[in-house]
């Protein structure tokens, strides 16, 4: 997890913002911090990639009656 001394958002904040980021509901400043954290954190970066892939997969499924 991210170092507590590190500036920017922390892993717990990242996890709370994940669904908003995937739904494209973060403002530009927050999104920038979110993306910076995902690029530098060994835990959160893969989490974001996997969550995004899962969301794209769900959206690709046909709706069932």
C-alpha atoms as a PDB file:
ATOM      1  CA  UNK A   1       0.000   0.000   0.000  1.00  0.00           C
ATOM      2  CA  UNK A   2       1.027   3.607  -0.417  1.00  0.00           C
ATOM      3  CA  UNK A   3       3.375   5.263   2.036  1.00  0.00           C
ATOM      4  CA  UNK A   4       1.552   7.427   4.601  1.00  0.00           C
ATOM      5  CA  UNK A   5       4.033  10.269   4.051  1.00  0.00           C
ATOM      6  CA  UNK A   6       3.244  10.364   0.332  1.00  0.00           C
ATOM      7  CA  UNK A   7       1.258  13.326  -0.999  1.00  0.00           C
ATOM      8  CA  UNK A   8      -1.899  12.779  -2.994  1.00  0.00           C
ATOM      9  CA  UNK A   9      -4.614  10.259  -2.349  1.00  0.00           C
ATOM     10  CA  UNK A  10      -4.054   7.103  -0.339  1.00  0.00           C
ATOM     11  CA  UNK A  11      -5.168   3.561  -1.145  1.00  0.00           C
ATOM     12  CA  UNK A  12      -8.306   3.746   1.021  1.00  0.00           C
ATOM     13  CA  UNK A  13      -9.382   6.938  -0.768  1.00  0.00           C
ATOM     14  CA  UNK A  14      -8.585   5.326  -4.119  1.00  0.00           C
ATOM     15  CA  UNK A  15     -10.836   2.381  -3.334  1.00  0.00           C
ATOM     16  CA  UNK A  16     -13.665   4.733  -2.324  1.00  0.00           C
ATOM     17  CA  UNK A  17     -13.313   6.665  -5.591  1.00  0.00           C
ATOM     18  CA  UNK A  18     -12.994   3.612  -7.833  1.00  0.00           C
ATOM     19  CA  UNK A  19     -16.638   3.330  -8.866  1.00  0.00           C
ATOM     20  CA  UNK A  20     -16.882   7.080  -9.481  1.00  0.00           C
ATOM     21  CA  UNK A  21     -13.784   6.936 -11.660  1.00  0.00           C
ATOM     22  CA  UNK A  22     -15.168   4.016 -13.664  1.00  0.00           C
ATOM     23  CA  UNK A  23     -18.451   5.909 -14.108  1.00  0.00           C
ATOM     24  CA  UNK A  24     -16.463   9.019 -15.170  1.00  0.00           C
ATOM     25  CA  UNK A  25     -17.919  11.104 -12.322  1.00  0.00           C
ATOM     26  CA  UNK A  26     -14.720  12.539 -10.833  1.00  0.00           C
ATOM     27  CA  UNK A  27     -13.850  16.172 -11.412  1.00  0.00           C
ATOM     28  CA  UNK A  28     -10.672  16.824 -13.389  1.00  0.00           C
ATOM     29  CA  UNK A  29      -8.466  17.622 -10.375  1.00  0.00           C
ATOM     30  CA  UNK A  30      -9.590  14.540  -8.448  1.00  0.00           C
ATOM     31  CA  UNK A  31      -9.304  12.374 -11.560  1.00  0.00           C
ATOM     32  CA  UNK A  32      -5.739  13.572 -12.055  1.00  0.00           C
ATOM     33  CA  UNK A  33      -4.796  12.552  -8.490  1.00  0.00           C
ATOM     34  CA  UNK A  34      -6.648   9.251  -8.895  1.00  0.00           C
ATOM     35  CA  UNK A  35      -4.784   8.447 -12.124  1.00  0.00           C
ATOM     36  CA  UNK A  36      -1.445   9.450 -10.624  1.00  0.00           C
ATOM     37  CA  UNK A  37      -2.022   7.080  -7.712  1.00  0.00           C
ATOM     38  CA  UNK A  38      -3.056   4.241 -10.037  1.00  0.00           C
ATOM     39  CA  UNK A  39       0.179   4.680 -12.025  1.00  0.00           C
ATOM     40  CA  UNK A  40       2.424   4.578  -8.969  1.00  0.00           C
ATOM     41  CA  UNK A  41       0.726   2.126  -6.586  1.00  0.00           C
ATOM     42  CA  UNK A  42       1.501  -1.558  -7.066  1.00  0.00           C
ATOM     43  CA  UNK A  43      -1.820  -2.520  -5.428  1.00  0.00           C
ATOM     44  CA  UNK A  44      -4.245   0.030  -6.822  1.00  0.00           C
ATOM     45  CA  UNK A  45      -2.980   0.133 -10.411  1.00  0.00           C
ATOM     46  CA  UNK A  46      -3.885  -3.508 -11.139  1.00  0.00           C
ATOM     47  CA  UNK A  47      -7.143  -3.117  -9.194  1.00  0.00           C
ATOM     48  CA  UNK A  48      -8.196  -0.235 -11.472  1.00  0.00           C
ATOM     49  CA  UNK A  49      -7.274  -2.171 -14.612  1.00  0.00           C
ATOM     50  CA  UNK A  50      -9.166  -5.284 -13.474  1.00  0.00           C
ATOM     51  CA  UNK A  51     -12.235  -3.323 -12.371  1.00  0.00           C
ATOM     52  CA  UNK A  52     -12.314  -1.496 -15.708  1.00  0.00           C
ATOM     53  CA  UNK A  53     -12.029  -4.762 -17.615  1.00  0.00           C
ATOM     54  CA  UNK A  54     -14.833  -6.264 -15.546  1.00  0.00           C
ATOM     55  CA  UNK A  55     -17.084  -3.280 -16.197  1.00  0.00           C
ATOM     56  CA  UNK A  56     -16.422  -3.441 -19.946  1.00  0.00           C
ATOM     57  CA  UNK A  57     -17.209  -7.177 -19.869  1.00  0.00           C
ATOM     58  CA  UNK A  58     -20.493  -6.580 -18.033  1.00  0.00           C
ATOM     59  CA  UNK A  59     -21.501  -3.895 -20.535  1.00  0.00           C
ATOM     60  CA  UNK A  60     -20.775  -6.270 -23.405  1.00  0.00           C
ATOM     61  CA  UNK A  61     -23.239  -8.911 -22.190  1.00  0.00           C
ATOM     62  CA  UNK A  62     -26.612  -9.136 -23.850  1.00  0.00           C
ATOM     63  CA  UNK A  63     -29.589  -8.241 -21.692  1.00  0.00           C
ATOM     64  CA  UNK A  64     -31.754 -11.212 -20.728  1.00  0.00           C
ATOM     65  CA  UNK A  65     -35.536 -11.009 -20.521  1.00  0.00           C
END
